[in-house]
C-alpha atoms as a PDB file:
ATOM      1  CA  PRO A   1       2.723  41.299   1.640  1.00  0.00           C
ATOM      2  CA  GLN A   2       3.001  38.681   4.308  1.00  0.00           C
ATOM      3  CA  ALA A   3       4.060  35.158   3.283  1.00  0.00           C
ATOM      4  CA  GLN A   4       1.339  32.555   3.694  1.00  0.00           C
ATOM      5  CA  THR A   5       2.143  29.300   5.391  1.00  0.00           C
ATOM      6  CA  TYR A   6       0.341  26.053   4.788  1.00  0.00           C
ATOM      7  CA  SER A   7      -2.753  25.583   6.873  1.00  0.00           C
ATOM      8  CA  PRO A   8      -5.105  22.681   6.171  1.00  0.00           C
ATOM      9  CA  SER A   9      -8.050  24.609   7.581  1.00  0.00           C
ATOM     10  CA  ARG A  10      -7.492  27.814   5.628  1.00  0.00           C
ATOM     11  CA  PRO A  11      -8.790  27.997   2.050  1.00  0.00           C
ATOM     12  CA  ARG A  12      -6.712  29.508  -0.706  1.00  0.00           C
ATOM     13  CA  SER A  13      -7.858  32.724  -2.286  1.00  0.00           C
ATOM     14  CA  SER A  14      -9.674  30.701  -4.950  1.00  0.00           C
ATOM     15  CA  GLY A  15     -11.851  29.212  -2.221  1.00  0.00           C
ATOM     16  CA  ARG A  16     -10.677  25.651  -2.796  1.00  0.00           C
ATOM     17  CA  TRP A  17      -8.946  23.732  -0.009  1.00  0.00           C
ATOM     18  CA  ARG A  18      -5.253  23.138  -0.321  1.00  0.00           C
ATOM     19  CA  THR A  19      -4.042  19.614  -0.696  1.00  0.00           C
ATOM     20  CA  CYS A  20      -1.134  18.505   1.424  1.00  0.00           C
ATOM     21  CA  PRO A  21       1.922  19.406  -0.656  1.00  0.00           C
ATOM     22  CA  TRP A  22       4.138  16.840   1.056  1.00  0.00           C
ATOM     23  CA  LEU A  23       1.930  13.834   0.224  1.00  0.00           C
ATOM     24  CA  PRO A  24       3.285  12.303  -2.984  1.00  0.00           C
ATOM     25  CA  THR A  25       0.767  11.084  -5.548  1.00  0.00           C
ATOM     26  CA  TYR A  26       3.269   9.888  -8.127  1.00  0.00           C
ATOM     27  CA  GLY A  27       6.124   7.442  -8.625  1.00  0.00           C
ATOM     28  CA  ALA A  28       6.753   5.001  -5.809  1.00  0.00           C
ATOM     29  CA  ALA A  29       3.758   6.223  -3.800  1.00  0.00           C
ATOM     30  CA  ALA A  30       1.358   5.320  -6.592  1.00  0.00           C
ATOM     31  CA  GLU A  31       3.053   1.942  -7.017  1.00  0.00           C
ATOM     32  CA  LYS A  32       2.814   1.238  -3.269  1.00  0.00           C
ATOM     33  CA  ARG A  33      -0.856   2.238  -3.231  1.00  0.00           C
ATOM     34  CA  LYS A  34      -1.640  -0.138  -6.108  1.00  0.00           C
ATOM     35  CA  ILE A  35       0.122  -3.026  -4.331  1.00  0.00           C
ATOM     36  CA  PHE A  36      -1.529  -2.155  -0.998  1.00  0.00           C
ATOM     37  CA  ASP A  37      -4.971  -2.204  -2.623  1.00  0.00           C
ATOM     38  CA  ALA A  38      -4.212  -5.607  -4.181  1.00  0.00           C
ATOM     39  CA  LEU A  39      -3.037  -6.885  -0.785  1.00  0.00           C
ATOM     40  CA  VAL A  40      -6.258  -5.757   0.895  1.00  0.00           C
ATOM     41  CA  ARG A  41      -8.342  -7.357  -1.889  1.00  0.00           C
ATOM     42  CA  CYS A  42      -6.408 -10.595  -1.354  1.00  0.00           C
ATOM     43  CA  LYS A  43      -7.098 -10.427   2.390  1.00  0.00           C
ATOM     44  CA  VAL A  44     -10.822  -9.901   1.831  1.00  0.00           C
ATOM     45  CA  ARG A  45     -11.078 -12.522  -0.928  1.00  0.00           C
ATOM     46  CA  THR A  46      -9.137 -15.319   0.769  1.00  0.00           C
ATOM     47  CA  GLY A  47     -10.066 -14.733   4.423  1.00  0.00           C
ATOM     48  CA  PRO A  48      -8.270 -16.227   7.422  1.00  0.00           C
ATOM     49  CA  GLY A  49      -4.774 -17.484   6.722  1.00  0.00           C
ATOM     50  CA  TRP A  50      -4.132 -14.881   4.028  1.00  0.00           C
ATOM     51  CA  THR A  51      -0.807 -13.847   5.563  1.00  0.00           C
ATOM     52  CA  GLU A  52       0.502 -17.406   5.389  1.00  0.00           C
ATOM     53  CA  ARG A  53      -0.529 -17.781   1.740  1.00  0.00           C
ATOM     54  CA  VAL A  54       0.978 -14.446   0.681  1.00  0.00           C
ATOM     55  CA  SER A  55       4.172 -15.030   2.692  1.00  0.00           C
ATOM     56  CA  THR A  56       4.607 -18.433   1.057  1.00  0.00           C
ATOM     57  CA  ALA A  57       3.948 -16.924  -2.391  1.00  0.00           C
ATOM     58  CA  CYS A  58       6.643 -14.317  -1.631  1.00  0.00           C
ATOM     59  CA  GLY A  59       9.105 -17.154  -1.074  1.00  0.00           C
ATOM     60  CA  GLY A  60       9.300 -16.396   2.643  1.00  0.00           C
ATOM     61  CA  ASP A  61      11.032 -13.073   1.965  1.00  0.00           C
ATOM     62  CA  VAL A  62       8.223 -11.164   3.696  1.00  0.00           C
ATOM     63  CA  SER A  63       7.043 -12.531   7.039  1.00  0.00           C
ATOM     64  CA  ARG A  64       3.425 -13.025   8.053  1.00  0.00           C
ATOM     65  CA  GLU A  65       3.865 -10.468  10.834  1.00  0.00           C
ATOM     66  CA  THR A  66       5.160  -7.860   8.376  1.00  0.00           C
ATOM     67  CA  LEU A  67       2.218  -8.423   6.029  1.00  0.00           C
ATOM     68  CA  ARG A  68      -0.255  -8.127   8.881  1.00  0.00           C
ATOM     69  CA  ALA A  69       1.424  -4.972  10.171  1.00  0.00           C
ATOM     70  CA  ILE A  70       1.369  -3.378   6.708  1.00  0.00           C
ATOM     71  CA  VAL A  71      -2.376  -3.892   6.324  1.00  0.00           C
ATOM     72  CA  MET A  72      -3.558  -3.481   9.903  1.00  0.00           C
ATOM     73  CA  ASP A  73      -1.070  -1.021  11.444  1.00  0.00           C
ATOM     74  CA  GLY A  74       0.193   0.920   8.417  1.00  0.00           C
ATOM     75  CA  LEU A  75       3.783  -0.277   8.757  1.00  0.00           C
ATOM     76  CA  MET A  76       6.128   1.660   6.472  1.00  0.00           C
ATOM     77  CA  VAL A  77       8.426  -0.565   4.395  1.00  0.00           C
ATOM     78  CA  ASP A  78      10.851   0.070   1.541  1.00  0.00           C
ATOM     79  CA  ILE A  79       9.796  -0.105  -2.088  1.00  0.00           C
ATOM     80  CA  HIS A  80      11.734  -3.340  -2.641  1.00  0.00           C
ATOM     81  CA  VAL A  81       9.535  -5.067  -0.039  1.00  0.00           C
ATOM     82  CA  TRP A  82       6.432  -3.794  -1.854  1.00  0.00           C
ATOM     83  CA  ARG A  83       7.799  -5.223  -5.114  1.00  0.00           C
ATOM     84  CA  VAL A  84       8.402  -8.619  -3.497  1.00  0.00           C
ATOM     85  CA  ILE A  85       4.789  -8.541  -2.261  1.00  0.00           C
ATOM     86  CA  GLU A  86       3.588  -7.628  -5.764  1.00  0.00           C
ATOM     87  CA  ARG A  87       5.452 -10.597  -7.269  1.00  0.00           C
ATOM     88  CA  GLY A  88       4.028 -12.866  -4.585  1.00  0.00           C
ATOM     89  CA  LEU A  89       0.481 -11.646  -5.206  1.00  0.00           C
ATOM     90  CA  GLY A  90       0.983 -12.214  -8.927  1.00  0.00           C
ATOM     91  CA  ASP A  91       2.195 -15.765  -8.295  1.00  0.00           C
ATOM     92  CA  LEU A  92      -0.676 -16.364  -5.891  1.00  0.00           C
ATOM     93  CA  GLY A  93      -3.177 -15.115  -8.460  1.00  0.00           C
ATOM     94  CA  ALA A  94      -1.659 -17.359 -11.132  1.00  0.00           C
ATOM     95  CA  MET A  95      -1.875 -20.366  -8.802  1.00  0.00           C
ATOM     96  CA  GLU A  96      -5.529 -19.596  -7.993  1.00  0.00           C
ATOM     97  CA  LYS A  97      -6.410 -19.350 -11.709  1.00  0.00           C
ATOM     98  CA  LYS A  98      -4.842 -22.766 -12.377  1.00  0.00           C
ATOM     99  CA  ALA A  99      -6.779 -24.395  -9.522  1.00  0.00           C
END
């Protein structure tokens, strides 16, 4: 028998479409997705100037340009940057609840 290679347009023998085997759906990818979704919600909820607020909440460790590029351009950053953003969003949320 001939070995089958991955083809996104070719169904498996069961008739279902293959998912991309190289796209992780666990571990750091799931954590990044959760933080990204929270970042987008913050952008929608707070409106213009959201990058400045989040950057300040991150203690200046993540620049406004980096935040904008993550959301708008899909910039790839390391997991430690995502964790800094998560802490900043948590602090920002806590500040908004107090106000």
